[in-house]
Protein backbone atom coordinates (compact mmCIF):
# COMPACT_ATOMS: atom_id res chain seq x y z
CA MET A 1 -69.64 226.19 130.81
CA PHE A 2 -71.83 223.15 130.35
CA GLY A 3 -74.64 221.54 132.40
CA LYS A 4 -76.25 218.41 131.70
CA ARG A 5 -75.23 217.06 128.25
CA VAL A 6 -76.68 214.26 126.05
CA THR A 7 -74.43 212.38 123.37
CA LEU A 8 -76.42 212.22 120.27
CA PHE A 9 -73.97 210.44 117.79
CA LYS A 10 -70.42 210.31 116.80
CA LEU A 11 -69.20 212.01 113.46
CA PHE A 12 -65.58 211.06 112.16
CA GLY A 13 -64.62 209.91 115.64
CA PHE A 14 -65.95 213.02 117.57
CA ALA A 15 -69.16 212.77 119.82
CA VAL A 16 -71.52 215.36 119.08
CA ARG A 17 -73.56 216.31 122.44
CA VAL A 18 -76.35 218.64 122.96
CA ASP A 19 -76.30 220.95 126.21
CA MET A 20 -79.78 220.90 127.72
CA SER A 21 -79.71 224.73 127.15
CA TRP A 22 -79.66 224.13 123.34
CA LEU A 23 -83.27 223.35 123.78
CA VAL A 24 -84.05 226.96 124.67
CA LEU A 25 -82.46 228.18 121.42
CA ALA A 26 -84.08 225.62 119.25
CA VAL A 27 -87.64 226.67 120.62
CA LEU A 28 -86.59 230.44 120.29
CA VAL A 29 -85.44 229.85 116.63
CA THR A 30 -88.41 227.74 115.62
CA TRP A 31 -90.81 230.26 117.16
CA SER A 32 -89.24 233.38 115.46
CA LEU A 33 -89.22 231.64 112.16
CA ALA A 34 -92.63 230.19 112.00
CA ARG A 35 -94.33 233.29 113.85
CA GLY A 36 -92.09 236.10 112.26
CA LEU A 37 -89.56 235.64 109.46
CA PHE A 38 -91.38 233.20 107.08
CA PRO A 39 -94.96 234.71 107.47
CA TYR A 40 -93.36 238.22 106.64
CA TYR A 41 -91.73 237.00 103.52
CA TYR A 42 -94.19 234.25 102.64
CA LYS A 43 -97.59 235.79 103.13
CA ASN A 44 -99.91 233.23 101.46
CA LEU A 45 -98.67 230.00 103.56
CA SER A 46 -100.65 228.61 106.20
CA ASP A 47 -99.63 228.65 110.04
CA ALA A 48 -98.83 225.03 109.74
CA THR A 49 -96.75 225.29 106.84
CA CYS A 50 -94.69 228.14 108.61
CA TRP A 51 -94.28 225.96 111.77
CA TRP A 52 -92.91 223.18 109.51
CA MET A 53 -90.52 225.42 107.84
CA GLY A 54 -89.55 226.78 111.21
CA VAL A 55 -88.49 223.19 112.43
CA ALA A 56 -86.62 222.75 109.42
CA GLY A 57 -84.93 225.90 109.89
CA ALA A 58 -83.88 225.12 113.30
CA LEU A 59 -82.65 221.69 112.13
CA GLY A 60 -80.82 223.64 109.55
CA LEU A 61 -79.03 225.71 112.22
CA PHE A 62 -78.23 222.63 113.95
CA ALA A 63 -76.74 220.87 111.14
CA SER A 64 -74.69 224.21 109.87
CA ILE A 65 -73.23 224.64 113.48
CA ILE A 66 -72.12 221.09 113.68
CA LEU A 67 -70.44 221.28 110.43
CA HIS A 68 -68.88 224.54 111.52
CA GLU A 69 -67.34 223.17 114.56
CA LEU A 70 -66.49 219.75 112.98
CA SER A 71 -64.31 221.77 110.50
CA HIS A 72 -62.30 223.18 113.58
CA SER A 73 -62.19 219.58 114.91
CA LEU A 74 -60.84 218.03 111.84
CA VAL A 75 -57.86 220.49 111.65
CA ALA A 76 -57.19 219.91 115.05
CA LYS A 77 -56.97 216.14 114.53
CA LYS A 78 -54.81 216.58 111.48
CA TYR A 79 -52.23 218.34 113.78
CA GLY A 80 -52.63 215.88 116.71
CA LEU A 81 -54.60 218.16 119.08
CA PRO A 82 -57.06 215.98 121.31
CA ILE A 83 -60.79 217.07 120.81
CA SER A 84 -63.23 215.52 123.21
CA GLY A 85 -66.13 216.42 121.41
CA ILE A 86 -68.57 218.93 119.86
CA THR A 87 -71.07 220.43 121.95
CA LEU A 88 -74.17 222.37 120.88
CA PHE A 89 -75.43 225.04 123.68
CA ILE A 90 -77.61 228.10 123.84
CA PHE A 91 -74.98 230.43 122.30
CA GLY A 92 -74.25 228.06 119.48
CA GLY A 93 -71.60 225.36 119.47
CA VAL A 94 -68.01 224.56 120.45
CA ALA A 95 -65.32 222.15 119.79
CA GLU A 96 -63.92 221.05 123.03
CA MET A 97 -60.00 221.29 122.59
CA GLU A 98 -58.31 219.97 125.50
CA GLU A 99 -54.78 221.40 124.62
CA GLN A 100 -53.41 224.92 123.23
CA PRO A 101 -52.16 224.58 119.38
CA GLU A 102 -48.47 224.38 119.32
CA SER A 103 -47.95 227.27 116.88
CA ALA A 104 -49.46 230.21 115.47
CA LYS A 105 -49.65 228.56 111.93
CA ILE A 106 -51.74 225.53 113.66
CA GLU A 107 -53.95 228.22 115.48
CA PHE A 108 -54.87 230.13 112.15
CA LEU A 109 -55.64 227.07 110.08
CA MET A 110 -58.06 225.99 112.77
CA ALA A 111 -59.70 229.18 113.31
CA VAL A 112 -60.06 229.94 109.70
CA ALA A 113 -61.59 226.31 108.94
CA GLY A 114 -64.74 227.26 110.55
CA PRO A 115 -65.93 230.56 108.58
CA VAL A 116 -64.55 228.85 105.32
CA SER A 117 -66.68 225.69 105.88
CA SER A 118 -69.72 228.06 106.64
CA MET A 119 -69.23 230.16 103.40
CA VAL A 120 -69.01 226.94 101.18
CA LEU A 121 -72.08 225.51 102.77
CA ALA A 122 -73.85 228.84 102.03
CA VAL A 123 -72.71 228.71 98.36
CA ILE A 124 -73.90 225.28 98.00
CA LEU A 125 -77.30 226.24 99.51
CA TYR A 126 -77.59 229.10 97.29
CA GLY A 127 -76.78 227.10 94.20
CA VAL A 128 -79.55 224.52 95.46
CA ASN A 129 -82.02 227.01 95.84
CA VAL A 130 -81.44 228.79 92.63
CA LEU A 131 -81.94 225.50 90.93
CA GLY A 132 -84.95 224.75 92.81
CA MET A 133 -86.56 227.91 91.87
CA ALA A 134 -85.88 227.64 88.11
CA ASN A 135 -87.47 224.21 88.51
CA GLU A 136 -90.54 225.48 90.38
CA TRP A 137 -89.82 223.68 93.76
CA PRO A 138 -92.48 224.16 96.40
CA VAL A 139 -92.05 227.76 98.16
CA PRO A 140 -91.61 226.23 101.74
CA ILE A 141 -88.53 224.32 100.11
CA THR A 142 -86.95 227.20 98.62
CA GLY A 143 -87.96 229.58 101.49
CA VAL A 144 -86.02 227.30 104.00
CA LEU A 145 -82.92 226.91 101.40
CA SER A 146 -82.81 230.69 101.02
CA TYR A 147 -82.99 231.23 104.81
CA LEU A 148 -80.00 228.65 105.49
CA ALA A 149 -77.88 230.05 102.76
CA SER A 150 -78.12 233.54 104.65
CA LEU A 151 -77.69 231.96 108.03
CA ASN A 152 -74.46 230.24 107.10
CA VAL A 153 -73.21 233.77 105.51
CA LEU A 154 -73.96 235.49 108.80
CA LEU A 155 -72.46 232.82 110.80
CA ALA A 156 -69.26 233.16 108.83
CA VAL A 157 -69.23 236.67 109.03
CA PHE A 158 -70.03 237.11 112.78
CA ASN A 159 -67.25 234.61 113.63
CA LEU A 160 -64.73 236.71 111.48
CA VAL A 161 -65.21 239.62 113.87
CA PRO A 162 -61.59 240.22 115.41
CA ALA A 163 -62.96 239.54 118.79
CA PHE A 164 -61.52 236.55 121.03
CA PRO A 165 -62.77 233.77 121.51
CA LEU A 166 -64.50 233.88 118.05
CA ASP A 167 -62.61 232.64 115.01
CA GLY A 168 -61.64 236.18 114.07
CA GLY A 169 -60.35 236.77 117.27
CA ARG A 170 -58.33 233.55 117.15
CA ILE A 171 -57.12 234.77 113.63
CA LEU A 172 -55.77 237.83 115.43
CA ARG A 173 -54.12 236.02 118.11
CA ALA A 174 -52.35 233.88 115.58
CA ALA A 175 -51.12 236.97 113.70
CA LEU A 176 -49.73 238.51 117.02
CA TRP A 177 -48.32 235.33 118.21
CA GLY A 178 -46.56 234.86 114.83
CA TRP A 179 -45.39 238.48 115.07
CA LYS A 180 -44.07 238.36 118.65
CA ASP A 181 -43.68 234.73 119.31
CA ASN A 182 -45.51 235.01 122.63
CA LEU A 183 -48.71 233.31 123.04
CA ARG A 184 -49.67 234.81 126.50
CA TRP A 185 -49.28 238.63 125.21
CA ALA A 186 -51.14 237.76 122.08
CA THR A 187 -53.86 235.97 123.90
CA ARG A 188 -54.13 239.11 126.39
CA ILE A 189 -54.61 241.50 123.31
CA ALA A 190 -56.95 239.29 121.48
CA SER A 191 -59.09 238.72 124.77
CA ARG A 192 -59.18 242.24 125.57
CA THR A 193 -60.30 243.14 122.08
CA GLY A 194 -62.91 240.30 122.77
CA SER A 195 -63.81 242.27 125.92
CA LEU A 196 -64.40 245.49 123.89
CA PHE A 197 -66.72 243.91 121.45
CA SER A 198 -68.80 242.25 124.19
CA LEU A 199 -69.04 245.61 125.92
CA ALA A 200 -70.16 246.82 122.39
CA LEU A 201 -72.75 244.03 122.27
CA ILE A 202 -74.21 244.77 125.95
CA ILE A 203 -74.67 248.52 125.25
CA GLY A 204 -76.22 247.72 121.81
CA GLY A 205 -78.54 245.29 123.84
CA PHE A 206 -79.70 248.00 126.32
CA TYR A 207 -80.24 250.40 123.61
CA LYS A 208 -82.48 247.89 121.64
CA ILE A 209 -84.55 247.57 124.87
CA VAL A 210 -84.87 251.45 125.19
CA GLN A 211 -86.12 251.38 121.68
CA GLY A 212 -88.70 248.74 122.48
CA ASN A 213 -86.97 245.50 121.24
CA PHE A 214 -86.92 243.73 124.36
CA ILE A 215 -86.23 240.19 123.19
CA GLY A 216 -83.48 241.30 120.56
CA GLY A 217 -81.81 243.43 123.24
CA PHE A 218 -81.90 240.80 126.06
CA TRP A 219 -80.35 238.36 123.46
CA TRP A 220 -77.67 240.69 122.56
CA ILE A 221 -76.75 241.46 126.15
CA MET A 222 -76.62 237.68 127.03
CA ILE A 223 -74.32 236.95 124.22
CA GLY A 224 -72.13 239.97 124.92
CA MET A 225 -71.84 238.69 128.84
CA PHE A 226 -70.93 235.21 127.48
CA LEU A 227 -68.11 236.48 125.16
CA LYS A 228 -66.75 238.53 127.92
CA ARG A 229 -66.70 235.63 130.37
CA ALA A 230 -65.24 233.25 127.63
CA ALA A 231 -62.35 235.85 126.61
CA ASP A 232 -61.44 236.18 130.34
CA MET A 233 -61.59 232.46 130.56
CA SER A 234 -59.32 231.97 127.48
CA TYR A 235 -56.55 234.27 128.77
CA GLN A 236 -56.50 232.70 132.27
CA GLN A 237 -56.42 229.12 130.67
CA VAL A 238 -53.15 230.29 128.90
CA LEU A 239 -51.69 231.52 132.08
CA VAL A 240 -52.48 228.39 133.82
CA SER A 241 -50.99 226.26 130.81
CA ARG A 242 -47.75 228.08 130.26
CA ALA A 243 -47.49 228.08 134.40
CA LEU A 244 -47.79 224.22 134.42
CA GLN A 245 -46.19 223.36 131.17
CA GLY A 246 -43.44 220.98 131.63
CA GLU A 247 -44.03 220.23 135.33
CA PRO A 248 -44.61 216.52 136.00
CA VAL A 249 -47.50 215.43 138.27
CA SER A 250 -44.79 213.91 140.74
CA ARG A 251 -43.93 217.40 141.73
CA PHE A 252 -47.51 217.92 143.54
CA MET A 253 -48.04 214.48 144.39
CA ARG A 254 -48.54 213.79 148.20
CA LEU A 255 -46.64 210.60 148.96
CA ASN A 256 -48.68 209.47 151.94
CA PRO A 257 -52.33 209.59 150.85
CA VAL A 258 -55.45 208.75 153.05
CA THR A 259 -56.47 205.08 152.16
CA VAL A 260 -58.58 202.50 153.64
CA THR A 261 -58.14 198.78 154.10
CA SER A 262 -60.66 196.33 152.73
CA ARG A 263 -61.02 194.79 156.21
CA ILE A 264 -62.82 197.96 157.75
CA THR A 265 -66.64 197.95 157.94
CA VAL A 266 -68.77 200.59 156.43
CA ALA A 267 -69.54 202.21 159.75
CA GLU A 268 -65.78 202.56 160.24
CA LEU A 269 -65.27 204.07 156.99
CA ILE A 270 -67.97 206.64 157.51
CA GLU A 271 -67.18 207.60 161.08
CA ASP A 272 -63.15 207.48 160.70
CA TYR A 273 -62.71 208.70 157.25
CA ILE A 274 -65.43 210.23 155.47
CA TYR A 275 -66.67 212.36 158.62
CA THR A 276 -62.90 213.05 159.19
CA TYR A 277 -61.46 213.75 155.67
CA HIS A 278 -64.61 214.83 153.82
CA PHE A 279 -63.64 213.05 150.70
CA LYS A 280 -66.11 211.34 148.38
CA MET A 281 -63.82 208.79 147.17
CA PHE A 282 -61.08 206.71 149.14
CA PRO A 283 -58.66 204.11 147.56
CA VAL A 284 -58.54 200.59 148.91
CA VAL A 285 -55.17 199.58 149.62
CA ASP A 286 -53.94 196.31 151.33
CA ASP A 287 -50.18 195.60 151.78
CA GLY A 288 -49.28 198.22 149.25
CA LYS A 289 -51.54 197.07 146.52
CA LEU A 290 -54.24 198.89 145.14
CA LEU A 291 -57.38 196.83 145.08
CA GLY A 292 -59.99 199.47 143.99
CA CYS A 293 -62.01 202.41 145.38
CA ILE A 294 -64.89 203.08 147.73
CA THR A 295 -67.19 206.24 147.10
CA THR A 296 -69.86 207.72 148.98
CA ARG A 297 -72.34 206.71 146.38
CA GLN A 298 -71.92 202.88 147.27
CA VAL A 299 -72.43 203.94 150.91
CA LYS A 300 -75.61 205.77 150.05
CA GLU A 301 -77.11 202.74 148.39
CA LEU A 302 -76.41 200.47 151.39
CA PRO A 303 -79.25 200.26 154.08
CA ARG A 304 -78.19 202.03 157.23
CA GLU A 305 -78.79 198.95 159.25
CA ALA A 306 -76.24 197.20 157.19
CA TRP A 307 -73.30 199.40 157.93
CA GLY A 308 -71.98 197.84 161.12
CA SER A 309 -71.90 194.26 159.44
CA THR A 310 -70.70 195.11 155.92
CA ILE A 311 -67.02 194.89 154.97
CA ILE A 312 -65.57 197.48 152.55
CA GLY A 313 -63.70 194.53 150.67
CA SER A 314 -67.40 193.41 149.39
CA LEU A 315 -68.29 196.87 148.04
CA ILE A 316 -64.91 197.54 146.03
CA GLU A 317 -65.31 198.63 142.53
CA GLN A 318 -62.54 198.97 139.95
CA CYS A 319 -61.03 202.69 140.27
CA SER A 320 -62.29 204.72 137.29
CA PRO A 321 -59.54 205.38 134.70
CA ASP A 322 -60.52 208.93 134.73
CA ASN A 323 -59.68 209.22 138.40
CA SER A 324 -55.98 207.77 137.65
CA ILE A 325 -52.84 209.22 136.29
CA HIS A 326 -49.22 208.55 135.98
CA SER A 327 -46.34 210.37 137.91
CA ASP A 328 -44.76 211.21 134.57
CA MET A 329 -47.71 212.92 132.93
CA ASP A 330 -47.64 216.48 132.41
CA ALA A 331 -49.47 218.59 135.09
CA THR A 332 -51.23 220.36 132.36
CA LYS A 333 -53.04 217.02 131.44
CA ALA A 334 -53.78 216.42 134.87
CA LEU A 335 -55.63 219.68 135.24
CA ALA A 336 -57.33 219.14 132.25
CA ARG A 337 -58.44 215.84 133.60
CA MET A 338 -59.97 217.33 136.80
CA SER A 339 -61.74 219.96 134.69
CA GLN A 340 -63.31 217.24 132.49
CA THR A 341 -64.38 214.88 135.27
CA ARG A 342 -64.94 217.60 137.96
CA ALA A 343 -62.59 215.83 140.44
CA SER A 344 -60.43 217.74 142.84
CA ARG A 345 -58.23 214.58 143.70
CA LEU A 346 -56.62 212.17 141.36
CA MET A 347 -54.64 208.96 142.18
CA VAL A 348 -51.23 208.71 140.76
CA VAL A 349 -50.57 204.80 140.23
CA HIS A 350 -47.90 202.72 139.19
CA GLY A 351 -49.07 199.39 137.70
CA ASP A 352 -51.22 198.16 140.83
CA HIS A 353 -49.49 200.17 143.43
CA LEU A 354 -50.79 203.55 144.58
CA ALA A 355 -47.91 205.98 144.53
CA GLY A 356 -49.81 208.93 145.81
CA ILE A 357 -52.48 211.58 145.37
CA ILE A 358 -52.44 214.74 143.49
CA THR A 359 -55.12 217.63 144.63
CA LEU A 360 -56.61 220.57 142.95
CA LYS A 361 -55.71 222.89 145.88
CA ASP A 362 -51.91 221.93 145.90
CA MET A 363 -51.76 222.64 142.13
CA LEU A 364 -53.97 225.99 142.59
CA GLN A 365 -51.12 227.17 145.42
CA PHE A 366 -48.36 226.47 142.93
CA LEU A 367 -50.00 228.22 140.16
CA SER A 368 -51.13 231.43 142.22
CA LEU A 369 -47.17 231.87 142.99
CA LYS A 370 -45.85 230.86 139.60
CA ILE A 371 -48.36 233.21 137.81
CA GLU A 372 -47.48 236.01 140.02
CA PHE A 373 -43.61 235.69 139.73
CA GLU A 374 -43.87 235.09 135.82
CA GLU A 375 -46.22 238.37 135.47
CA GLU A 376 -43.51 240.36 137.43
CA LYS A 377 -40.64 238.99 135.37
CA ASP A 378 -42.39 239.85 132.08
CA HIS A 379 -43.00 243.26 133.09
CA THR A 380 -39.39 243.89 134.43
CA ASP A 381 -37.04 241.83 132.22
CA HIS A 382 -39.19 241.82 128.90
CA PRO A 383 -41.42 244.82 128.87
CA HIS A 384 -41.59 245.07 125.03
CA LEU A 385 -43.76 241.66 125.10
CA ASN A 386 -46.29 243.55 127.42
CA PRO A 387 -46.31 246.89 126.16
CA PRO A 388 -48.63 249.20 127.91
CA LEU A 389 -52.09 249.95 126.19
CA PRO A 390 -53.92 252.79 128.03
CA TRP A 391 -57.25 252.48 126.05
CA MET A 392 -57.38 248.77 127.35
CA GLY A 393 -56.84 249.55 130.91
CA GLY A 394 -54.24 248.86 133.50
CA ASP A 395 -52.21 245.84 134.10
CA LYS A 396 -52.50 245.90 138.04
CA GLU A 397 -54.59 242.79 138.48
CA GLU A 398 -53.29 241.05 135.66
CA GLY A 399 -51.46 238.01 137.22
CA GLU A 400 -54.26 237.09 139.45
CA GLY A 401 -56.17 234.58 136.95
CA LYS A 402 -59.03 232.73 138.63
CA LEU A 403 -59.02 228.91 137.49
CA THR A 404 -62.74 228.41 136.13
CA GLN A 405 -63.58 225.28 134.49
């Protein structure tokens, strides 16, 4: 979902990051406020003042989204759900939850926290604005306060639309989950509702373009496409989570992984291992003991003329904790680790010994088969869990989820 991100600060233990795409949104918001909204409502203000108000409005949007996502994160933390951080990107913000909620109640409380916090902030800003107008504060200050109050109302209302993965869609999923006690079915219904809402946004965007509002229409289309992809991904992630839940890493572990010894040269590493196996990282093992790791990055940093005389042992680095897991770890956590680090292989270690290697390819093969059989089981043994919904389309391809992210 994200590209290059920059960590700005930590808030209540959560890392607040900005994706580079956020800069596009910040520029668009500042420009639209400075050249459109504020000059329209406050005609006697100078261009410079409008631009400063635009910057303040963009910063207020930044803070409002952080507060919204922070409220989700704090509720998740209260119930023991790990949150890796809060990231702002071109379509808003997201609290990066590493696991699914354990119950419909937790899902509901997490989902409703965001809109509630936005409405509370809107009321506070509105009150401050009324106070400022009564005391004749400068127009630029009350203008920005009025904008931010309205913005937070809009943020709350938009997120309450019952279309997954918006907060309203998560509230809908929580209700369906509590009713049927089936997370997968609830997610499927909520994600399909999200897909319909996304389609409506896309159609509305094209209509706006035909009417002459190219920028507004284009923005609607982009948001609709993003929400459609996010809704599909959410259902696929639930399928993956349910398929791997309770499966230990040891089930997928390869017991005889490819390793190198500390005594070979860099030239031998390249010729006999990198060119043969096409891996970017190799565990360095001597007499069964894991000494560290050697990566293609280290090799690239070494002058070519030194490859034949340099021993691997002189280049060994400590293996990153992100690339190591324990054999008793749940496979869902291993998959989450791969997603976070974008690694296709993880080492399974016991103390200072390498027990094996787990690969994304092996896990995907298992997932493909299990999801297929579980889908068939749900349709044959428990048809009431997956009722046919003609208006949403058929279920023919439903078991063929793709692992993305």
